[in-house]
N, C-alpha and C. Protein backbone atom coordinates (compact mmCIF):
# COMPACT_ATOMS: atom_id res chain seq x y z
N GLY A 1 39.31 -139.97 -91.51
CA GLY A 1 39.73 -141.36 -91.67
C GLY A 1 39.96 -142.04 -90.33
N THR A 2 40.53 -141.31 -89.36
CA THR A 2 40.76 -141.88 -88.03
C THR A 2 39.45 -142.18 -87.33
N LEU A 3 38.48 -141.27 -87.47
CA LEU A 3 37.16 -141.51 -86.87
C LEU A 3 36.47 -142.70 -87.52
N GLN A 4 36.60 -142.82 -88.81
CA GLN A 4 36.02 -143.97 -89.51
C GLN A 4 36.65 -145.28 -89.04
N LEU A 5 37.97 -145.26 -88.84
CA LEU A 5 38.66 -146.46 -88.36
C LEU A 5 38.19 -146.82 -86.95
N ALA A 6 38.07 -145.81 -86.07
CA ALA A 6 37.62 -146.09 -84.71
C ALA A 6 36.18 -146.62 -84.69
N PHE A 7 35.33 -146.04 -85.53
CA PHE A 7 33.94 -146.51 -85.61
C PHE A 7 33.88 -147.92 -86.17
N ALA A 8 34.72 -148.21 -87.17
CA ALA A 8 34.74 -149.55 -87.75
C ALA A 8 35.20 -150.58 -86.73
N LEU A 9 36.21 -150.24 -85.93
CA LEU A 9 36.67 -151.16 -84.90
C LEU A 9 35.61 -151.39 -83.83
N PHE A 10 34.87 -150.33 -83.50
CA PHE A 10 33.80 -150.45 -82.50
C PHE A 10 32.71 -151.40 -82.99
N ILE A 11 32.31 -151.24 -84.25
CA ILE A 11 31.28 -152.11 -84.82
C ILE A 11 31.82 -153.53 -85.00
N ALA A 12 33.10 -153.63 -85.39
CA ALA A 12 33.69 -154.95 -85.63
C ALA A 12 33.71 -155.80 -84.36
N PHE A 13 33.81 -155.15 -83.19
CA PHE A 13 33.80 -155.91 -81.94
C PHE A 13 32.50 -156.69 -81.79
N PHE A 14 31.37 -156.06 -82.09
CA PHE A 14 30.08 -156.74 -81.95
C PHE A 14 29.89 -157.79 -83.05
N PHE A 15 30.38 -157.50 -84.24
CA PHE A 15 30.33 -158.52 -85.29
C PHE A 15 31.16 -159.73 -84.91
N TYR A 16 32.30 -159.49 -84.31
CA TYR A 16 33.16 -160.61 -83.91
C TYR A 16 32.54 -161.41 -82.77
N ARG A 17 31.91 -160.71 -81.84
CA ARG A 17 31.31 -161.40 -80.69
C ARG A 17 30.12 -162.25 -81.11
N ASP A 18 29.27 -161.73 -81.98
CA ASP A 18 28.07 -162.46 -82.42
C ASP A 18 28.18 -162.89 -83.88
N GLY A 19 29.40 -163.06 -84.36
CA GLY A 19 29.59 -163.30 -85.78
C GLY A 19 29.04 -164.63 -86.27
N ILE A 20 29.20 -165.71 -85.48
CA ILE A 20 28.78 -167.03 -85.94
C ILE A 20 27.27 -167.09 -86.11
N ASP A 21 26.56 -166.62 -85.10
CA ASP A 21 25.09 -166.61 -85.19
C ASP A 21 24.61 -165.69 -86.31
N GLY A 22 25.26 -164.54 -86.44
CA GLY A 22 24.86 -163.61 -87.50
C GLY A 22 25.12 -164.17 -88.89
N ALA A 23 26.25 -164.88 -89.05
CA ALA A 23 26.56 -165.47 -90.35
C ALA A 23 25.56 -166.55 -90.73
N LYS A 24 25.17 -167.38 -89.74
CA LYS A 24 24.17 -168.41 -90.03
C LYS A 24 22.84 -167.80 -90.42
N GLY A 25 22.43 -166.77 -89.70
CA GLY A 25 21.18 -166.11 -90.04
C GLY A 25 21.23 -165.46 -91.41
N LEU A 26 22.36 -164.83 -91.73
CA LEU A 26 22.51 -164.19 -93.04
C LEU A 26 22.49 -165.22 -94.16
N GLN A 27 23.09 -166.38 -93.94
CA GLN A 27 23.07 -167.44 -94.95
C GLN A 27 21.65 -167.97 -95.16
N ASN A 28 20.90 -168.10 -94.07
CA ASN A 28 19.51 -168.57 -94.20
C ASN A 28 18.67 -167.57 -95.00
N VAL A 29 18.85 -166.28 -94.69
CA VAL A 29 18.09 -165.26 -95.42
C VAL A 29 18.48 -165.25 -96.90
N ALA A 30 19.81 -165.32 -97.16
CA ALA A 30 20.27 -165.32 -98.55
C ALA A 30 19.76 -166.54 -99.30
N HIS A 31 19.71 -167.69 -98.65
CA HIS A 31 19.22 -168.90 -99.32
C HIS A 31 17.74 -168.79 -99.62
N ARG A 32 16.98 -168.18 -98.74
CA ARG A 32 15.54 -168.02 -99.00
C ARG A 32 15.30 -167.03 -100.14
N LEU A 33 16.14 -166.00 -100.24
CA LEU A 33 15.92 -164.99 -101.26
C LEU A 33 16.44 -165.40 -102.63
N GLY A 34 17.64 -165.99 -102.66
CA GLY A 34 18.25 -166.27 -103.96
C GLY A 34 18.75 -167.67 -104.17
N GLY A 35 18.55 -168.55 -103.21
CA GLY A 35 18.97 -169.93 -103.38
C GLY A 35 20.49 -170.07 -103.33
N GLU A 36 20.99 -171.06 -104.07
CA GLU A 36 22.43 -171.35 -104.06
C GLU A 36 23.25 -170.21 -104.66
N ARG A 37 22.68 -169.48 -105.60
CA ARG A 37 23.41 -168.37 -106.20
C ARG A 37 23.69 -167.29 -105.17
N ALA A 38 22.74 -166.99 -104.33
CA ALA A 38 22.95 -165.99 -103.28
C ALA A 38 23.98 -166.46 -102.27
N ILE A 39 23.98 -167.75 -101.93
CA ILE A 39 24.99 -168.28 -101.01
C ILE A 39 26.38 -168.13 -101.61
N ARG A 40 26.48 -168.40 -102.93
CA ARG A 40 27.78 -168.28 -103.59
C ARG A 40 28.27 -166.83 -103.59
N LEU A 41 27.39 -165.88 -103.82
CA LEU A 41 27.77 -164.48 -103.78
C LEU A 41 28.17 -164.06 -102.37
N LEU A 42 27.47 -164.59 -101.39
CA LEU A 42 27.80 -164.28 -100.00
C LEU A 42 29.19 -164.80 -99.65
N ASN A 43 29.52 -165.97 -100.14
CA ASN A 43 30.86 -166.52 -99.91
C ASN A 43 31.93 -165.68 -100.60
N VAL A 44 31.61 -165.16 -101.79
CA VAL A 44 32.56 -164.29 -102.49
C VAL A 44 32.82 -163.02 -101.69
N VAL A 45 31.77 -162.43 -101.14
CA VAL A 45 31.92 -161.22 -100.33
C VAL A 45 32.79 -161.51 -99.10
N GLY A 46 32.51 -162.61 -98.42
CA GLY A 46 33.28 -162.95 -97.23
C GLY A 46 34.75 -163.20 -97.54
N ALA A 47 35.02 -163.93 -98.62
CA ALA A 47 36.41 -164.21 -99.00
C ALA A 47 37.15 -162.94 -99.40
N THR A 48 36.45 -162.02 -100.06
CA THR A 48 37.10 -160.78 -100.48
C THR A 48 37.43 -159.90 -99.29
N ILE A 49 36.52 -159.81 -98.33
CA ILE A 49 36.78 -159.00 -97.14
C ILE A 49 37.96 -159.57 -96.36
N LYS A 50 38.01 -160.89 -96.22
CA LYS A 50 39.16 -161.51 -95.55
C LYS A 50 40.46 -161.20 -96.30
N SER A 51 40.40 -161.24 -97.62
CA SER A 51 41.60 -160.97 -98.42
C SER A 51 42.05 -159.52 -98.24
N VAL A 52 41.10 -158.60 -98.13
CA VAL A 52 41.46 -157.20 -97.91
C VAL A 52 42.15 -157.03 -96.56
N VAL A 53 41.64 -157.71 -95.54
CA VAL A 53 42.27 -157.63 -94.22
C VAL A 53 43.70 -158.17 -94.28
N TYR A 54 43.86 -159.35 -94.89
CA TYR A 54 45.19 -159.92 -95.02
C TYR A 54 46.09 -159.02 -95.87
N GLY A 55 45.53 -158.44 -96.91
CA GLY A 55 46.31 -157.53 -97.74
C GLY A 55 46.76 -156.30 -97.00
N THR A 56 45.88 -155.76 -96.14
CA THR A 56 46.24 -154.58 -95.35
C THR A 56 47.37 -154.90 -94.38
N ILE A 57 47.28 -156.04 -93.70
CA ILE A 57 48.33 -156.42 -92.76
C ILE A 57 49.63 -156.73 -93.50
N GLY A 58 49.53 -157.46 -94.62
CA GLY A 58 50.72 -157.77 -95.40
C GLY A 58 51.40 -156.52 -95.94
N THR A 59 50.60 -155.55 -96.40
CA THR A 59 51.16 -154.31 -96.90
C THR A 59 51.84 -153.53 -95.79
N ALA A 60 51.24 -153.53 -94.60
CA ALA A 60 51.85 -152.83 -93.46
C ALA A 60 53.20 -153.45 -93.10
N ILE A 61 53.28 -154.78 -93.14
CA ILE A 61 54.55 -155.44 -92.86
C ILE A 61 55.59 -155.08 -93.92
N ALA A 62 55.18 -155.10 -95.20
CA ALA A 62 56.10 -154.77 -96.28
C ALA A 62 56.57 -153.32 -96.19
N GLN A 63 55.66 -152.39 -95.92
CA GLN A 63 56.04 -150.99 -95.81
C GLN A 63 56.95 -150.76 -94.61
N SER A 64 56.69 -151.49 -93.53
CA SER A 64 57.55 -151.37 -92.36
C SER A 64 58.96 -151.85 -92.66
N ALA A 65 59.07 -152.98 -93.35
CA ALA A 65 60.40 -153.51 -93.69
C ALA A 65 61.13 -152.58 -94.66
N LEU A 66 60.43 -152.06 -95.68
CA LEU A 66 61.06 -151.18 -96.64
C LEU A 66 61.47 -149.85 -96.01
N THR A 67 60.62 -149.32 -95.14
CA THR A 67 60.97 -148.07 -94.46
C THR A 67 62.17 -148.27 -93.55
N SER A 68 62.20 -149.39 -92.83
CA SER A 68 63.34 -149.68 -91.96
C SER A 68 64.62 -149.79 -92.76
N LEU A 69 64.54 -150.43 -93.94
CA LEU A 69 65.72 -150.56 -94.79
C LEU A 69 66.21 -149.19 -95.25
N GLY A 70 65.29 -148.34 -95.66
CA GLY A 70 65.68 -146.99 -96.10
C GLY A 70 66.27 -146.17 -94.97
N LEU A 71 65.69 -146.26 -93.78
CA LEU A 71 66.23 -145.54 -92.63
C LEU A 71 67.62 -146.05 -92.25
N TRP A 72 67.81 -147.36 -92.34
CA TRP A 72 69.12 -147.95 -92.01
C TRP A 72 70.18 -147.52 -93.01
N LEU A 73 69.82 -147.49 -94.30
CA LEU A 73 70.77 -147.06 -95.31
C LEU A 73 71.13 -145.58 -95.14
N ALA A 74 70.16 -144.77 -94.71
CA ALA A 74 70.41 -143.34 -94.53
C ALA A 74 71.10 -143.03 -93.21
N GLY A 75 71.26 -144.02 -92.34
CA GLY A 75 71.95 -143.80 -91.07
C GLY A 75 71.09 -143.16 -90.00
N VAL A 76 69.78 -143.35 -90.07
CA VAL A 76 68.88 -142.80 -89.04
C VAL A 76 68.90 -143.74 -87.83
N PRO A 77 69.07 -143.22 -86.62
CA PRO A 77 69.07 -144.10 -85.44
C PRO A 77 67.67 -144.57 -85.07
N GLY A 78 67.61 -145.64 -84.26
CA GLY A 78 66.32 -146.17 -83.79
C GLY A 78 65.51 -146.80 -84.89
N VAL A 79 66.16 -147.58 -85.74
CA VAL A 79 65.48 -148.15 -86.91
C VAL A 79 64.38 -149.12 -86.49
N LEU A 80 64.64 -149.96 -85.49
CA LEU A 80 63.65 -150.96 -85.07
C LEU A 80 62.39 -150.28 -84.52
N LEU A 81 62.58 -149.27 -83.69
CA LEU A 81 61.41 -148.56 -83.14
C LEU A 81 60.64 -147.85 -84.23
N LEU A 82 61.34 -147.19 -85.13
CA LEU A 82 60.67 -146.48 -86.21
C LEU A 82 59.98 -147.45 -87.17
N GLY A 83 60.60 -148.64 -87.35
CA GLY A 83 59.95 -149.64 -88.19
C GLY A 83 58.65 -150.13 -87.59
N PHE A 84 58.62 -150.32 -86.27
CA PHE A 84 57.38 -150.74 -85.59
C PHE A 84 56.32 -149.65 -85.68
N ILE A 85 56.74 -148.39 -85.52
CA ILE A 85 55.78 -147.28 -85.65
C ILE A 85 55.24 -147.22 -87.07
N THR A 86 56.10 -147.51 -88.06
CA THR A 86 55.64 -147.52 -89.45
C THR A 86 54.58 -148.59 -89.67
N PHE A 87 54.77 -149.76 -89.04
CA PHE A 87 53.78 -150.82 -89.17
C PHE A 87 52.42 -150.36 -88.63
N LEU A 88 52.41 -149.68 -87.49
CA LEU A 88 51.16 -149.20 -86.92
C LEU A 88 50.55 -148.11 -87.79
N MET A 89 51.37 -147.21 -88.31
CA MET A 89 50.86 -146.13 -89.14
C MET A 89 50.32 -146.66 -90.47
N ALA A 90 50.94 -147.72 -91.00
CA ALA A 90 50.49 -148.26 -92.29
C ALA A 90 49.13 -148.94 -92.19
N LEU A 91 48.71 -149.28 -90.98
CA LEU A 91 47.37 -149.85 -90.79
C LEU A 91 46.28 -148.79 -90.80
N THR A 92 46.66 -147.53 -90.75
CA THR A 92 45.72 -146.42 -90.70
C THR A 92 45.77 -145.65 -92.02
N PRO A 93 44.80 -144.77 -92.25
CA PRO A 93 44.86 -143.97 -93.48
C PRO A 93 46.04 -143.01 -93.53
N ILE A 94 46.68 -142.75 -92.39
CA ILE A 94 47.79 -141.79 -92.37
C ILE A 94 48.97 -142.34 -93.14
N GLY A 95 49.37 -143.56 -92.83
CA GLY A 95 50.39 -144.23 -93.61
C GLY A 95 51.81 -143.97 -93.14
N ALA A 96 52.74 -144.57 -93.88
CA ALA A 96 54.16 -144.53 -93.53
C ALA A 96 54.81 -143.15 -93.65
N PRO A 97 54.32 -142.19 -94.46
CA PRO A 97 55.02 -140.90 -94.55
C PRO A 97 55.19 -140.18 -93.23
N LEU A 98 54.36 -140.47 -92.24
CA LEU A 98 54.54 -139.83 -90.94
C LEU A 98 55.83 -140.28 -90.25
N VAL A 99 56.47 -141.31 -90.76
CA VAL A 99 57.73 -141.77 -90.18
C VAL A 99 58.92 -141.34 -91.03
N TRP A 100 58.89 -141.67 -92.33
CA TRP A 100 60.08 -141.39 -93.14
C TRP A 100 60.22 -139.91 -93.50
N PHE A 101 59.11 -139.15 -93.57
CA PHE A 101 59.24 -137.73 -93.91
C PHE A 101 59.89 -136.92 -92.79
N PRO A 102 59.48 -137.07 -91.51
CA PRO A 102 60.22 -136.38 -90.44
C PRO A 102 61.68 -136.83 -90.36
N ALA A 103 61.94 -138.12 -90.64
CA ALA A 103 63.33 -138.57 -90.63
C ALA A 103 64.14 -137.87 -91.73
N ALA A 104 63.52 -137.64 -92.89
CA ALA A 104 64.20 -136.92 -93.96
C ALA A 104 64.47 -135.48 -93.57
N ILE A 105 63.53 -134.85 -92.86
CA ILE A 105 63.75 -133.48 -92.38
C ILE A 105 64.90 -133.46 -91.38
N TRP A 106 64.96 -134.46 -90.51
CA TRP A 106 66.04 -134.55 -89.53
C TRP A 106 67.39 -134.68 -90.24
N LEU A 107 67.44 -135.50 -91.28
CA LEU A 107 68.68 -135.65 -92.04
C LEU A 107 69.08 -134.34 -92.72
N PHE A 108 68.09 -133.60 -93.20
CA PHE A 108 68.38 -132.32 -93.87
C PHE A 108 69.01 -131.34 -92.90
N TYR A 109 68.46 -131.25 -91.69
CA TYR A 109 69.01 -130.33 -90.70
C TYR A 109 70.31 -130.85 -90.09
N ALA A 110 70.60 -132.15 -90.28
CA ALA A 110 71.87 -132.71 -89.82
C ALA A 110 72.93 -132.63 -90.90
N ASN A 111 72.69 -131.79 -91.92
CA ASN A 111 73.63 -131.57 -93.02
C ASN A 111 73.89 -132.84 -93.83
N ALA A 112 72.89 -133.71 -93.90
CA ALA A 112 72.97 -134.90 -94.76
C ALA A 112 71.91 -134.77 -95.85
N THR A 113 72.08 -133.75 -96.69
CA THR A 113 71.06 -133.42 -97.69
C THR A 113 70.88 -134.55 -98.69
N GLY A 114 71.99 -135.16 -99.09
CA GLY A 114 71.90 -136.26 -100.06
C GLY A 114 71.07 -137.42 -99.54
N TRP A 115 71.32 -137.80 -98.29
CA TRP A 115 70.54 -138.90 -97.70
C TRP A 115 69.10 -138.48 -97.46
N ALA A 116 68.86 -137.20 -97.19
CA ALA A 116 67.49 -136.72 -97.02
C ALA A 116 66.71 -136.84 -98.33
N VAL A 117 67.35 -136.45 -99.44
CA VAL A 117 66.71 -136.59 -100.74
C VAL A 117 66.49 -138.07 -101.08
N PHE A 118 67.49 -138.89 -100.75
CA PHE A 118 67.35 -140.33 -100.99
C PHE A 118 66.15 -140.89 -100.23
N LEU A 119 66.00 -140.50 -98.95
CA LEU A 119 64.91 -141.04 -98.14
C LEU A 119 63.55 -140.59 -98.66
N VAL A 120 63.46 -139.35 -99.14
CA VAL A 120 62.19 -138.87 -99.70
C VAL A 120 61.84 -139.66 -100.96
N LEU A 121 62.82 -139.84 -101.85
CA LEU A 121 62.56 -140.62 -103.07
C LEU A 121 62.25 -142.08 -102.74
N TRP A 122 62.95 -142.64 -101.76
CA TRP A 122 62.69 -144.01 -101.33
C TRP A 122 61.28 -144.14 -100.78
N GLY A 123 60.86 -143.17 -99.98
CA GLY A 123 59.52 -143.22 -99.39
C GLY A 123 58.41 -143.08 -100.42
N ILE A 124 58.63 -142.20 -101.42
CA ILE A 124 57.59 -141.96 -102.41
C ILE A 124 57.46 -143.14 -103.37
N PHE A 125 58.59 -143.58 -103.91
CA PHE A 125 58.53 -144.56 -105.00
C PHE A 125 58.58 -146.00 -104.52
N VAL A 126 59.34 -146.29 -103.48
CA VAL A 126 59.48 -147.68 -103.02
C VAL A 126 58.43 -148.00 -101.97
N VAL A 127 58.41 -147.24 -100.88
CA VAL A 127 57.44 -147.51 -99.81
C VAL A 127 56.02 -147.21 -100.27
N GLY A 128 55.85 -146.08 -100.95
CA GLY A 128 54.51 -145.74 -101.45
C GLY A 128 54.05 -146.67 -102.56
N GLY A 129 54.99 -147.11 -103.41
CA GLY A 129 54.63 -148.04 -104.47
C GLY A 129 54.21 -149.40 -103.96
N ALA A 130 54.75 -149.78 -102.80
CA ALA A 130 54.36 -151.08 -102.22
C ALA A 130 52.89 -151.12 -101.89
N ASP A 131 52.32 -149.98 -101.52
CA ASP A 131 50.90 -149.94 -101.18
C ASP A 131 50.03 -150.19 -102.40
N ASN A 132 50.51 -149.77 -103.58
CA ASN A 132 49.73 -149.92 -104.81
C ASN A 132 49.98 -151.25 -105.52
N ILE A 133 50.98 -152.00 -105.09
CA ILE A 133 51.31 -153.27 -105.75
C ILE A 133 51.08 -154.45 -104.83
N ILE A 134 51.63 -154.37 -103.61
CA ILE A 134 51.56 -155.52 -102.71
C ILE A 134 50.14 -155.74 -102.21
N ARG A 135 49.42 -154.67 -101.89
CA ARG A 135 48.06 -154.83 -101.39
C ARG A 135 47.15 -155.53 -102.42
N PRO A 136 47.09 -155.05 -103.68
CA PRO A 136 46.28 -155.78 -104.67
C PRO A 136 46.75 -157.22 -104.89
N TYR A 137 48.07 -157.46 -104.78
CA TYR A 137 48.57 -158.81 -104.97
C TYR A 137 48.05 -159.75 -103.89
N PHE A 138 48.11 -159.32 -102.64
CA PHE A 138 47.61 -160.14 -101.53
C PHE A 138 46.11 -160.38 -101.67
N ILE A 139 45.38 -159.34 -102.08
CA ILE A 139 43.93 -159.48 -102.20
C ILE A 139 43.58 -160.44 -103.33
N SER A 140 44.29 -160.34 -104.45
CA SER A 140 44.00 -161.22 -105.58
C SER A 140 44.35 -162.67 -105.27
N ARG A 141 45.32 -162.90 -104.36
CA ARG A 141 45.66 -164.27 -104.00
C ARG A 141 44.55 -164.93 -103.19
N GLY A 142 43.83 -164.14 -102.40
CA GLY A 142 42.79 -164.71 -101.55
C GLY A 142 41.41 -164.71 -102.16
N SER A 143 41.22 -163.99 -103.26
CA SER A 143 39.91 -163.94 -103.91
C SER A 143 40.06 -164.37 -105.36
N ASP A 144 38.94 -164.64 -105.98
CA ASP A 144 38.93 -165.13 -107.36
C ASP A 144 38.80 -163.96 -108.33
N LEU A 145 39.60 -162.92 -108.12
CA LEU A 145 39.56 -161.74 -108.96
C LEU A 145 40.89 -161.58 -109.69
N PRO A 146 40.86 -161.16 -110.96
CA PRO A 146 42.11 -160.84 -111.64
C PRO A 146 42.82 -159.68 -110.95
N PHE A 147 44.16 -159.67 -111.07
CA PHE A 147 44.96 -158.67 -110.37
C PHE A 147 44.57 -157.26 -110.78
N VAL A 148 44.31 -157.03 -112.08
CA VAL A 148 44.01 -155.69 -112.55
C VAL A 148 42.69 -155.19 -111.95
N LEU A 149 41.71 -156.07 -111.78
CA LEU A 149 40.45 -155.65 -111.16
C LEU A 149 40.64 -155.31 -109.69
N VAL A 150 41.47 -156.08 -109.01
CA VAL A 150 41.75 -155.76 -107.61
C VAL A 150 42.45 -154.41 -107.50
N PHE A 151 43.41 -154.17 -108.38
CA PHE A 151 44.12 -152.90 -108.37
C PHE A 151 43.16 -151.74 -108.59
N LEU A 152 42.27 -151.87 -109.58
CA LEU A 152 41.30 -150.81 -109.85
C LEU A 152 40.32 -150.67 -108.70
N GLY A 153 39.94 -151.80 -108.06
CA GLY A 153 39.02 -151.73 -106.94
C GLY A 153 39.62 -151.02 -105.75
N VAL A 154 40.88 -151.32 -105.44
CA VAL A 154 41.55 -150.66 -104.31
C VAL A 154 41.73 -149.17 -104.60
N LEU A 155 42.22 -148.85 -105.79
CA LEU A 155 42.49 -147.46 -106.13
C LEU A 155 41.19 -146.66 -106.23
N GLY A 156 40.22 -147.20 -106.97
CA GLY A 156 38.96 -146.47 -107.12
C GLY A 156 38.18 -146.38 -105.83
N GLY A 157 38.18 -147.46 -105.04
CA GLY A 157 37.47 -147.43 -103.76
C GLY A 157 38.07 -146.43 -102.81
N THR A 158 39.41 -146.32 -102.78
CA THR A 158 40.06 -145.35 -101.90
C THR A 158 39.76 -143.93 -102.32
N LEU A 159 39.78 -143.67 -103.63
CA LEU A 159 39.48 -142.32 -104.11
C LEU A 159 38.03 -141.94 -103.87
N ALA A 160 37.12 -142.91 -103.94
CA ALA A 160 35.70 -142.60 -103.82
C ALA A 160 35.23 -142.58 -102.37
N PHE A 161 35.70 -143.53 -101.55
CA PHE A 161 35.15 -143.68 -100.20
C PHE A 161 36.18 -143.51 -99.09
N GLY A 162 37.43 -143.18 -99.43
CA GLY A 162 38.45 -143.03 -98.39
C GLY A 162 38.93 -144.38 -97.89
N PHE A 163 39.20 -144.45 -96.59
CA PHE A 163 39.76 -145.67 -96.01
C PHE A 163 38.81 -146.85 -96.16
N LEU A 164 37.50 -146.62 -95.98
CA LEU A 164 36.55 -147.72 -96.13
C LEU A 164 36.49 -148.22 -97.56
N GLY A 165 36.93 -147.40 -98.51
CA GLY A 165 36.96 -147.84 -99.89
C GLY A 165 37.93 -148.98 -100.15
N LEU A 166 38.92 -149.16 -99.24
CA LEU A 166 39.81 -150.31 -99.36
C LEU A 166 39.04 -151.61 -99.28
N PHE A 167 37.94 -151.60 -98.51
CA PHE A 167 37.10 -152.79 -98.37
C PHE A 167 35.96 -152.77 -99.38
N LEU A 168 35.34 -151.60 -99.58
CA LEU A 168 34.17 -151.53 -100.45
C LEU A 168 34.53 -151.75 -101.91
N GLY A 169 35.63 -151.15 -102.37
CA GLY A 169 35.99 -151.26 -103.78
C GLY A 169 36.19 -152.69 -104.25
N PRO A 170 37.13 -153.45 -103.65
CA PRO A 170 37.30 -154.84 -104.10
C PRO A 170 36.08 -155.71 -103.86
N THR A 171 35.34 -155.46 -102.77
CA THR A 171 34.18 -156.28 -102.47
C THR A 171 33.08 -156.08 -103.52
N LEU A 172 32.80 -154.83 -103.87
CA LEU A 172 31.78 -154.56 -104.89
C LEU A 172 32.21 -155.09 -106.25
N LEU A 173 33.49 -154.95 -106.56
CA LEU A 173 33.97 -155.47 -107.84
C LEU A 173 33.90 -156.99 -107.88
N ALA A 174 34.27 -157.64 -106.77
CA ALA A 174 34.23 -159.11 -106.73
C ALA A 174 32.80 -159.61 -106.88
N THR A 175 31.85 -158.94 -106.21
CA THR A 175 30.45 -159.35 -106.32
C THR A 175 29.93 -159.15 -107.73
N GLY A 176 30.21 -157.98 -108.31
CA GLY A 176 29.77 -157.74 -109.67
C GLY A 176 30.41 -158.68 -110.67
N TYR A 177 31.69 -158.97 -110.46
CA TYR A 177 32.39 -159.89 -111.35
C TYR A 177 31.79 -161.29 -111.28
N GLU A 178 31.43 -161.73 -110.08
CA GLU A 178 30.84 -163.05 -109.93
C GLU A 178 29.44 -163.10 -110.56
N ILE A 179 28.67 -162.00 -110.43
CA ILE A 179 27.34 -161.97 -111.03
C ILE A 179 27.44 -162.03 -112.56
N VAL A 180 28.35 -161.23 -113.14
CA VAL A 180 28.51 -161.23 -114.60
C VAL A 180 28.99 -162.58 -115.09
N ARG A 181 29.94 -163.19 -114.37
CA ARG A 181 30.45 -164.50 -114.78
C ARG A 181 29.38 -165.57 -114.67
N ASP A 182 28.51 -165.44 -113.66
CA ASP A 182 27.43 -166.41 -113.49
C ASP A 182 26.41 -166.27 -114.61
N TRP A 183 26.08 -165.02 -114.98
CA TRP A 183 25.11 -164.80 -116.05
C TRP A 183 25.68 -165.20 -117.41
N ALA A 184 26.99 -165.04 -117.59
CA ALA A 184 27.59 -165.35 -118.88
C ALA A 184 27.85 -166.84 -119.07
N GLN A 185 27.64 -167.61 -118.03
CA GLN A 185 27.89 -169.04 -118.13
C GLN A 185 26.81 -169.69 -118.99
N VAL A 186 27.25 -170.47 -119.95
CA VAL A 186 26.31 -171.13 -120.85
C VAL A 186 25.94 -172.47 -120.25
N GLU A 187 24.65 -172.66 -120.05
CA GLU A 187 24.20 -173.93 -119.49
C GLU A 187 24.16 -174.98 -120.60
N PRO A 188 24.59 -176.18 -120.29
CA PRO A 188 24.56 -177.24 -121.33
C PRO A 188 23.13 -177.55 -121.72
N PRO A 189 22.88 -177.79 -123.01
CA PRO A 189 21.51 -178.08 -123.44
C PRO A 189 21.04 -179.40 -122.84
N SER A 190 19.78 -179.42 -122.53
CA SER A 190 19.22 -180.63 -121.93
C SER A 190 19.09 -181.72 -122.99
N ALA A 191 19.34 -182.94 -122.57
CA ALA A 191 19.27 -184.06 -123.51
C ALA A 191 17.82 -184.31 -123.91
N PRO A 192 17.58 -184.60 -125.19
CA PRO A 192 16.19 -184.85 -125.62
C PRO A 192 15.65 -186.12 -124.97
N THR A 193 14.42 -186.04 -124.61
CA THR A 193 13.79 -187.19 -123.97
C THR A 193 13.36 -188.20 -125.01
N GLU A 194 13.69 -189.43 -124.76
CA GLU A 194 13.32 -190.49 -125.68
C GLU A 194 11.85 -190.85 -125.50
N PRO A 195 11.15 -191.14 -126.61
CA PRO A 195 9.73 -191.49 -126.48
C PRO A 195 9.58 -192.81 -125.73
N GLN A 196 8.63 -192.81 -124.84
CA GLN A 196 8.39 -194.00 -124.06
C GLN A 196 7.67 -195.06 -124.92
N PRO A 197 8.07 -196.30 -124.82
CA PRO A 197 7.39 -197.36 -125.61
C PRO A 197 5.94 -197.50 -125.18
N ASN A 198 5.12 -197.78 -126.14
CA ASN A 198 3.69 -197.95 -125.88
C ASN A 198 3.48 -199.23 -125.09
N ALA A 199 2.82 -199.07 -123.96
CA ALA A 199 2.61 -200.26 -123.10
C ALA A 199 1.70 -201.27 -123.80
N GLY A 200 0.82 -200.79 -124.68
CA GLY A 200 -0.08 -201.74 -125.34
C GLY A 200 0.59 -202.42 -126.52
N GLY A 201 1.71 -201.86 -127.05
CA GLY A 201 2.35 -202.46 -128.18
C GLY A 201 3.26 -203.58 -127.73
């Protein structure tokens, strides 16, 4: 997962540098191949990818805040530093457990077993649950997908493709959803043409 993230960042640099020209060229190609429908699907893909990025950052902020709150309640020192480290870890496939789990072990060896158990339960159910709820919520706010489809896209994409599945799952679902909705749309019947009056009459 770390290698995939590093490779994705390396490729993203070139996409960012030449992104405007590449987007214009991609829109021209899509318009030649599929017309306005292809442009609309391309816009759906772009909006979904942006939503996934915003969802990832928003989830990292939420997990950082929740982890910091749990550490503060348990009396762990250096809450601000550990909260910042949690934010960085939440952006990677490793996640927040690399922060709160060692803190729970430290509490256990400091004879604070109750707080250690509390921190483990807090990390699993509260911090871990935020990843499965807040991320799909942010993504659904930025894309035209129902919340349940975003949730299934994030979960299924992660299980199937790992870290890149966070982007592939919702994007593929959004594209397929837009195609099905476009095909299911009933076009209004065309109005009957009135007979033209006879010029000789």
